[in-house]
Every structure is written in C-alpha cells, then in structure tokens.
C-alpha cells in the first residue's frame, strides 16, 4: 500500500513541478517579444524571440522524450 501512495505522491509532485516550470517559462516568453536577427552559417533571418524560445523548448522536449524512450528500451 505504501508504494502506491509513494508513486501517487511522486506523480503529483512531478506534475506540480512541470506546471510551475512551464508557468515560469511562459512568463519569460511573454516578456521577450522583440524581433531578433538570427545568423547561422549562410542563413540570416529575423523573427520574434517568442518563436525562437518556443522552438528551443520544442526541440528540448523532443530530445528529452527521445532519450527517455531510448533508456526505457534498454531496460527491457
């Protein structure tokens, strides 16, 4: 019985931390709406910092999910 309670408590804590971090990130994004110039190798473009930050978040989430999935496959 204790392991179920511990797992539920951990899930609630994990959910609360994720919500808190996403809230902080959204506040950060909304305060950085300026247009910035991006230069990479031969490419140059101007775009909103919001789009840049959301793209970085998306890439980070996808990389994290990939490595989490890969680690779970190794355990099997």
PDB file of N, CA and C in Angstrom:
ATOM      1  N   UNK A   1       0.821  -1.195   0.000  1.00  0.00           N
ATOM      2  CA  UNK A   1       0.000   0.000   0.000  1.00  0.00           C
ATOM      3  C   UNK A   1       0.863   1.256   0.000  1.00  0.00           C
ATOM      4  N   UNK A   2       1.971   1.213   0.713  1.00  0.00           N
ATOM      5  CA  UNK A   2       2.821   2.402   0.783  1.00  0.00           C
ATOM      6  C   UNK A   2       3.444   2.735  -0.565  1.00  0.00           C
ATOM      7  N   UNK A   3       3.784   1.720  -1.353  1.00  0.00           N
ATOM      8  CA  UNK A   3       4.405   2.006  -2.647  1.00  0.00           C
ATOM      9  C   UNK A   3       3.435   2.730  -3.569  1.00  0.00           C
ATOM     10  N   UNK A   4       2.148   2.384  -3.505  1.00  0.00           N
ATOM     11  CA  UNK A   4       1.149   3.074  -4.325  1.00  0.00           C
ATOM     12  C   UNK A   4       1.015   4.524  -3.880  1.00  0.00           C
ATOM     13  N   UNK A   5       0.991   4.750  -2.572  1.00  0.00           N
ATOM     14  CA  UNK A   5       0.903   6.118  -2.060  1.00  0.00           C
ATOM     15  C   UNK A   5       2.140   6.922  -2.443  1.00  0.00           C
ATOM     16  N   UNK A   6       3.297   6.286  -2.381  1.00  0.00           N
ATOM     17  CA  UNK A   6       4.541   6.966  -2.750  1.00  0.00           C
ATOM     18  C   UNK A   6       4.542   7.316  -4.229  1.00  0.00           C
ATOM     19  N   UNK A   7       4.091   6.380  -5.077  1.00  0.00           N
ATOM     20  CA  UNK A   7       4.042   6.641  -6.518  1.00  0.00           C
ATOM     21  C   UNK A   7       3.068   7.773  -6.831  1.00  0.00           C
ATOM     22  N   UNK A   8       1.901   7.770  -6.173  1.00  0.00           N
ATOM     23  CA  UNK A   8       0.925   8.842  -6.406  1.00  0.00           C
ATOM     24  C   UNK A   8       1.466  10.190  -5.935  1.00  0.00           C
ATOM     25  N   UNK A   9       2.143  10.195  -4.797  1.00  0.00           N
ATOM     26  CA  UNK A   9       2.739  11.434  -4.299  1.00  0.00           C
ATOM     27  C   UNK A   9       3.812  11.955  -5.228  1.00  0.00           C
ATOM     28  N   UNK A  10       4.623  11.040  -5.759  1.00  0.00           N
ATOM     29  CA  UNK A  10       5.675  11.436  -6.692  1.00  0.00           C
ATOM     30  C   UNK A  10       5.069  11.984  -7.977  1.00  0.00           C
ATOM     31  N   UNK A  11       3.998  11.353  -8.475  1.00  0.00           N
ATOM     32  CA  UNK A  11       3.343  11.845  -9.691  1.00  0.00           C
ATOM     33  C   UNK A  11       2.782  13.248  -9.478  1.00  0.00           C
ATOM     34  N   UNK A  12       2.175  13.477  -8.314  1.00  0.00           N
ATOM     35  CA  UNK A  12       1.624  14.799  -8.023  1.00  0.00           C
ATOM     36  C   UNK A  12       2.728  15.844  -7.927  1.00  0.00           C
ATOM     37  N   UNK A  13       3.831  15.488  -7.293  1.00  0.00           N
ATOM     38  CA  UNK A  13       4.963  16.406  -7.183  1.00  0.00           C
ATOM     39  C   UNK A  13       5.542  16.705  -8.560  1.00  0.00           C
ATOM     40  N   UNK A  14       5.693  15.671  -9.370  1.00  0.00           N
ATOM     41  CA  UNK A  14       6.227  15.836 -10.725  1.00  0.00           C
ATOM     42  C   UNK A  14       5.318  16.750 -11.553  1.00  0.00           C
ATOM     43  N   UNK A  15       4.012  16.537 -11.460  1.00  0.00           N
ATOM     44  CA  UNK A  15       3.057  17.373 -12.189  1.00  0.00           C
ATOM     45  C   UNK A  15       3.129  18.822 -11.716  1.00  0.00           C
ATOM     46  N   UNK A  16       3.224  19.031 -10.415  1.00  0.00           N
ATOM     47  CA  UNK A  16       3.305  20.390  -9.870  1.00  0.00           C
ATOM     48  C   UNK A  16       4.576  21.091 -10.334  1.00  0.00           C
ATOM     49  N   UNK A  17       5.694  20.380 -10.342  1.00  0.00           N
ATOM     50  CA  UNK A  17       6.965  20.969 -10.785  1.00  0.00           C
ATOM     51  C   UNK A  17       6.896  21.318 -12.266  1.00  0.00           C
ATOM     52  N   UNK A  18       6.322  20.435 -13.076  1.00  0.00           N
ATOM     53  CA  UNK A  18       6.202  20.702 -14.515  1.00  0.00           C
ATOM     54  C   UNK A  18       5.325  21.927 -14.757  1.00  0.00           C
ATOM     55  N   UNK A  19       4.202  22.019 -14.062  1.00  0.00           N
ATOM     56  CA  UNK A  19       3.311  23.177 -14.219  1.00  0.00           C
ATOM     57  C   UNK A  19       4.018  24.458 -13.795  1.00  0.00           C
ATOM     58  N   UNK A  20       4.761  24.409 -12.695  1.00  0.00           N
ATOM     59  CA  UNK A  20       5.483  25.587 -12.219  1.00  0.00           C
ATOM     60  C   UNK A  20       6.546  26.022 -13.234  1.00  0.00           C
ATOM     61  N   UNK A  21       7.321  25.075 -13.754  1.00  0.00           N
ATOM     62  CA  UNK A  21       8.363  25.414 -14.725  1.00  0.00           C
ATOM     63  C   UNK A  21       7.773  25.960 -16.019  1.00  0.00           C
ATOM     64  N   UNK A  22       6.678  25.362 -16.489  1.00  0.00           N
ATOM     65  CA  UNK A  22       6.033  25.869 -17.696  1.00  0.00           C
ATOM     66  C   UNK A  22       5.469  27.272 -17.477  1.00  0.00           C
ATOM     67  N   UNK A  23       4.936  27.532 -16.298  1.00  0.00           N
ATOM     68  CA  UNK A  23       4.423  28.874 -15.990  1.00  0.00           C
ATOM     69  C   UNK A  23       5.545  29.908 -16.005  1.00  0.00           C
ATOM     70  N   UNK A  24       6.663  29.573 -15.379  1.00  0.00           N
ATOM     71  CA  UNK A  24       7.815  30.482 -15.373  1.00  0.00           C
ATOM     72  C   UNK A  24       8.313  30.709 -16.795  1.00  0.00           C
ATOM     73  N   UNK A  25       8.373  29.644 -17.591  1.00  0.00           N
ATOM     74  CA  UNK A  25       8.832  29.761 -18.975  1.00  0.00           C
ATOM     75  C   UNK A  25       7.878  30.637 -19.788  1.00  0.00           C
ATOM     76  N   UNK A  26       6.571  30.485 -19.586  1.00  0.00           N
ATOM     77  CA  UNK A  26       5.610  31.295 -20.331  1.00  0.00           C
ATOM     78  C   UNK A  26       5.726  32.775 -19.953  1.00  0.00           C
ATOM     79  N   UNK A  27       5.939  33.070 -18.681  1.00  0.00           N
ATOM     80  CA  UNK A  27       6.146  34.461 -18.262  1.00  0.00           C
ATOM     81  C   UNK A  27       7.396  35.018 -18.932  1.00  0.00           C
ATOM     82  N   UNK A  28       8.459  34.232 -18.952  1.00  0.00           N
ATOM     83  CA  UNK A  28       9.708  34.643 -19.593  1.00  0.00           C
ATOM     84  C   UNK A  28       9.489  34.917 -21.077  1.00  0.00           C
ATOM     85  N   UNK A  29       8.754  34.045 -21.738  1.00  0.00           N
ATOM     86  CA  UNK A  29       8.484  34.215 -23.166  1.00  0.00           C
ATOM     87  C   UNK A  29       7.676  35.488 -23.416  1.00  0.00           C
ATOM     88  N   UNK A  30       6.638  35.696 -22.634  1.00  0.00           N
ATOM     89  CA  UNK A  30       5.771  36.851 -22.858  1.00  0.00           C
ATOM     90  C   UNK A  30       6.477  38.177 -22.596  1.00  0.00           C
ATOM     91  N   UNK A  31       7.550  38.163 -21.839  1.00  0.00           N
ATOM     92  CA  UNK A  31       8.305  39.385 -21.582  1.00  0.00           C
ATOM     93  C   UNK A  31       9.409  39.601 -22.618  1.00  0.00           C
ATOM     94  N   UNK A  32       9.590  38.674 -23.537  1.00  0.00           N
ATOM     95  CA  UNK A  32      10.639  38.775 -24.549  1.00  0.00           C
ATOM     96  C   UNK A  32      10.029  38.654 -25.940  1.00  0.00           C
ATOM     97  N   UNK A  33       9.320  39.690 -26.354  1.00  0.00           N
ATOM     98  CA  UNK A  33       8.609  39.636 -27.634  1.00  0.00           C
ATOM     99  C   UNK A  33       9.317  40.399 -28.749  1.00  0.00           C
ATOM    100  N   UNK A  34      10.517  40.876 -28.498  1.00  0.00           N
ATOM    101  CA  UNK A  34      11.229  41.655 -29.506  1.00  0.00           C
ATOM    102  C   UNK A  34      11.589  40.777 -30.716  1.00  0.00           C
ATOM    103  N   UNK A  35      11.820  41.443 -31.835  1.00  0.00           N
ATOM    104  CA  UNK A  35      12.297  40.765 -33.041  1.00  0.00           C
ATOM    105  C   UNK A  35      13.818  40.727 -32.982  1.00  0.00           C
ATOM    106  N   UNK A  36      14.384  39.563 -33.281  1.00  0.00           N
ATOM    107  CA  UNK A  36      15.837  39.406 -33.240  1.00  0.00           C
ATOM    108  C   UNK A  36      16.334  38.890 -34.586  1.00  0.00           C
ATOM    109  N   UNK A  37      17.594  39.191 -34.893  1.00  0.00           N
ATOM    110  CA  UNK A  37      18.234  38.684 -36.103  1.00  0.00           C
ATOM    111  C   UNK A  37      18.972  37.400 -35.760  1.00  0.00           C
ATOM    112  N   UNK A  38      18.754  36.380 -36.572  1.00  0.00           N
ATOM    113  CA  UNK A  38      19.399  35.085 -36.377  1.00  0.00           C
ATOM    114  C   UNK A  38      20.363  34.872 -37.537  1.00  0.00           C
ATOM    115  N   UNK A  39      21.607  34.570 -37.215  1.00  0.00           N
ATOM    116  CA  UNK A  39      22.606  34.268 -38.238  1.00  0.00           C
ATOM    117  C   UNK A  39      23.186  32.897 -37.941  1.00  0.00           C
ATOM    118  N   UNK A  40      23.125  32.002 -38.926  1.00  0.00           N
ATOM    119  CA  UNK A  40      23.679  30.659 -38.784  1.00  0.00           C
ATOM    120  C   UNK A  40      24.270  30.248 -40.123  1.00  0.00           C
ATOM    121  N   UNK A  41      25.572  30.050 -40.129  1.00  0.00           N
ATOM    122  CA  UNK A  41      26.315  29.729 -41.349  1.00  0.00           C
ATOM    123  C   UNK A  41      25.965  30.739 -42.433  1.00  0.00           C
ATOM    124  N   UNK A  42      25.262  30.307 -43.483  1.00  0.00           N
ATOM    125  CA  UNK A  42      24.939  31.209 -44.585  1.00  0.00           C
ATOM    126  C   UNK A  42      23.528  31.775 -44.479  1.00  0.00           C
ATOM    127  N   UNK A  43      22.784  31.356 -43.471  1.00  0.00           N
ATOM    128  CA  UNK A  43      21.412  31.806 -43.311  1.00  0.00           C
ATOM    129  C   UNK A  43      21.348  33.024 -42.416  1.00  0.00           C
ATOM    130  N   UNK A  44      20.400  33.889 -42.730  1.00  0.00           N
ATOM    131  CA  UNK A  44      20.137  35.041 -41.879  1.00  0.00           C
ATOM    132  C   UNK A  44      18.643  35.317 -41.937  1.00  0.00           C
ATOM    133  N   UNK A  45      18.035  35.486 -40.779  1.00  0.00           N
ATOM    134  CA  UNK A  45      16.602  35.771 -40.748  1.00  0.00           C
ATOM    135  C   UNK A  45      16.261  36.588 -39.514  1.00  0.00           C
ATOM    136  N   UNK A  46      15.139  37.250 -39.581  1.00  0.00           N
ATOM    137  CA  UNK A  46      14.609  37.985 -38.432  1.00  0.00           C
ATOM    138  C   UNK A  46      13.317  37.304 -38.012  1.00  0.00           C
ATOM    139  N   UNK A  47      13.196  37.059 -36.712  1.00  0.00           N
ATOM    140  CA  UNK A  47      11.957  36.505 -36.213  1.00  0.00           C
ATOM    141  C   UNK A  47      11.754  36.901 -34.764  1.00  0.00           C
ATOM    142  N   UNK A  48      10.546  36.727 -34.304  1.00  0.00           N
ATOM    143  CA  UNK A  48      10.209  37.086 -32.934  1.00  0.00           C
ATOM    144  C   UNK A  48      10.942  36.165 -31.962  1.00  0.00           C
ATOM    145  N   UNK A  49      11.400  36.743 -30.875  1.00  0.00           N
ATOM    146  CA  UNK A  49      12.104  35.953 -29.858  1.00  0.00           C
ATOM    147  C   UNK A  49      11.177  34.890 -29.268  1.00  0.00           C
ATOM    148  N   UNK A  50       9.866  35.161 -29.265  1.00  0.00           N
ATOM    149  CA  UNK A  50       8.890  34.185 -28.768  1.00  0.00           C
ATOM    150  C   UNK A  50       8.976  32.900 -29.585  1.00  0.00           C
ATOM    151  N   UNK A  51       9.011  33.037 -30.903  1.00  0.00           N
ATOM    152  CA  UNK A  51       9.089  31.871 -31.785  1.00  0.00           C
ATOM    153  C   UNK A  51      10.398  31.124 -31.550  1.00  0.00           C
ATOM    154  N   UNK A  52      11.476  31.853 -31.394  1.00  0.00           N
ATOM    155  CA  UNK A  52      12.782  31.243 -31.145  1.00  0.00           C
ATOM    156  C   UNK A  52      12.777  30.451 -29.837  1.00  0.00           C
ATOM    157  N   UNK A  53      12.233  31.034 -28.776  1.00  0.00           N
ATOM    158  CA  UNK A  53      12.194  30.352 -27.478  1.00  0.00           C
ATOM    159  C   UNK A  53      11.272  29.136 -27.500  1.00  0.00           C
ATOM    160  N   UNK A  54      10.117  29.260 -28.153  1.00  0.00           N
ATOM    161  CA  UNK A  54       9.215  28.116 -28.255  1.00  0.00           C
ATOM    162  C   UNK A  54       9.835  26.992 -29.084  1.00  0.00           C
ATOM    163  N   UNK A  55      10.560  27.358 -30.138  1.00  0.00           N
ATOM    164  CA  UNK A  55      11.264  26.349 -30.933  1.00  0.00           C
ATOM    165  C   UNK A  55      12.330  25.635 -30.125  1.00  0.00           C
ATOM    166  N   UNK A  56      13.068  26.387 -29.321  1.00  0.00           N
ATOM    167  CA  UNK A  56      14.091  25.775 -28.467  1.00  0.00           C
ATOM    168  C   UNK A  56      13.449  24.848 -27.437  1.00  0.00           C
ATOM    169  N   UNK A  57      12.310  25.266 -26.882  1.00  0.00           N
ATOM    170  CA  UNK A  57      11.593  24.414 -25.931  1.00  0.00           C
ATOM    171  C   UNK A  57      11.125  23.131 -26.606  1.00  0.00           C
ATOM    172  N   UNK A  58      10.563  23.249 -27.787  1.00  0.00           N
ATOM    173  CA  UNK A  58      10.077  22.080 -28.518  1.00  0.00           C
ATOM    174  C   UNK A  58      11.209  21.108 -28.824  1.00  0.00           C
ATOM    175  N   UNK A  59      12.337  21.633 -29.288  1.00  0.00           N
ATOM    176  CA  UNK A  59      13.490  20.771 -29.574  1.00  0.00           C
ATOM    177  C   UNK A  59      13.972  20.091 -28.296  1.00  0.00           C
ATOM    178  N   UNK A  60      14.030  20.832 -27.198  1.00  0.00           N
ATOM    179  CA  UNK A  60      14.456  20.252 -25.924  1.00  0.00           C
ATOM    180  C   UNK A  60      13.525  19.151 -25.445  1.00  0.00           C
ATOM    181  N   UNK A  61      12.218  19.370 -25.588  1.00  0.00           N
ATOM    182  CA  UNK A  61      11.246  18.350 -25.184  1.00  0.00           C
ATOM    183  C   UNK A  61      11.390  17.108 -26.051  1.00  0.00           C
ATOM    184  N   UNK A  62      11.529  17.292 -27.357  1.00  0.00           N
ATOM    185  CA  UNK A  62      11.673  16.145 -28.254  1.00  0.00           C
ATOM    186  C   UNK A  62      12.945  15.354 -27.967  1.00  0.00           C
ATOM    187  N   UNK A  63      14.047  16.044 -27.719  1.00  0.00           N
ATOM    188  CA  UNK A  63      15.303  15.358 -27.381  1.00  0.00           C
ATOM    189  C   UNK A  63      15.151  14.606 -26.062  1.00  0.00           C
ATOM    190  N   UNK A  64      14.523  15.234 -25.070  1.00  0.00           N
ATOM    191  CA  UNK A  64      14.298  14.579 -23.783  1.00  0.00           C
ATOM    192  C   UNK A  64      13.423  13.346 -23.909  1.00  0.00           C
ATOM    193  N   UNK A  65      12.353  13.446 -24.697  1.00  0.00           N
ATOM    194  CA  UNK A  65      11.485  12.291 -24.912  1.00  0.00           C
ATOM    195  C   UNK A  65      12.222  11.169 -25.627  1.00  0.00           C
ATOM    196  N   UNK A  66      13.040  11.521 -26.612  1.00  0.00           N
ATOM    197  CA  UNK A  66      13.792  10.505 -27.345  1.00  0.00           C
ATOM    198  C   UNK A  66      14.743   9.758 -26.421  1.00  0.00           C
ATOM    199  N   UNK A  67      15.517  10.498 -25.619  1.00  0.00           N
ATOM    200  CA  UNK A  67      16.474   9.835 -24.734  1.00  0.00           C
ATOM    201  C   UNK A  67      15.770   9.075 -23.615  1.00  0.00           C
ATOM    202  N   UNK A  68      14.625   9.561 -23.158  1.00  0.00           N
ATOM    203  CA  UNK A  68      13.844   8.823 -22.169  1.00  0.00           C
ATOM    204  C   UNK A  68      13.305   7.533 -22.745  1.00  0.00           C
ATOM    205  N   UNK A  69      12.821   7.586 -23.982  1.00  0.00           N
ATOM    206  CA  UNK A  69      12.317   6.394 -24.658  1.00  0.00           C
ATOM    207  C   UNK A  69      13.450   5.405 -24.888  1.00  0.00           C
ATOM    208  N   UNK A  70      14.600   5.916 -25.320  1.00  0.00           N
ATOM    209  CA  UNK A  70      15.751   5.047 -25.573  1.00  0.00           C
ATOM    210  C   UNK A  70      16.203   4.357 -24.288  1.00  0.00           C
ATOM    211  N   UNK A  71      16.229   5.081 -23.191  1.00  0.00           N
ATOM    212  CA  UNK A  71      16.634   4.497 -21.908  1.00  0.00           C
ATOM    213  C   UNK A  71      15.638   3.432 -21.458  1.00  0.00           C
ATOM    214  N   UNK A  72      14.347   3.666 -21.693  1.00  0.00           N
ATOM    215  CA  UNK A  72      13.352   2.667 -21.297  1.00  0.00           C
ATOM    216  C   UNK A  72      13.452   1.415 -22.164  1.00  0.00           C
ATOM    217  N   UNK A  73      13.862   1.570 -23.414  1.00  0.00           N
ATOM    218  CA  UNK A  73      14.039   0.411 -24.291  1.00  0.00           C
ATOM    219  C   UNK A  73      15.237  -0.424 -23.865  1.00  0.00           C
ATOM    220  N   UNK A  74      16.267   0.223 -23.358  1.00  0.00           N
ATOM    221  CA  UNK A  74      17.456  -0.504 -22.904  1.00  0.00           C
ATOM    222  C   UNK A  74      17.159  -1.319 -21.653  1.00  0.00           C
ATOM    223  N   UNK A  75      16.234  -0.842 -20.817  1.00  0.00           N
ATOM    224  CA  UNK A  75      15.886  -1.558 -19.588  1.00  0.00           C
ATOM    225  C   UNK A  75      15.102  -2.826 -19.865  1.00  0.00           C
ATOM    226  N   UNK A  76      14.421  -2.890 -20.990  1.00  0.00           N
ATOM    227  CA  UNK A  76      13.578  -4.063 -21.300  1.00  0.00           C
ATOM    228  C   UNK A  76      14.374  -5.236 -21.740  1.00  0.00           C
TER     229      UNK A  76
END
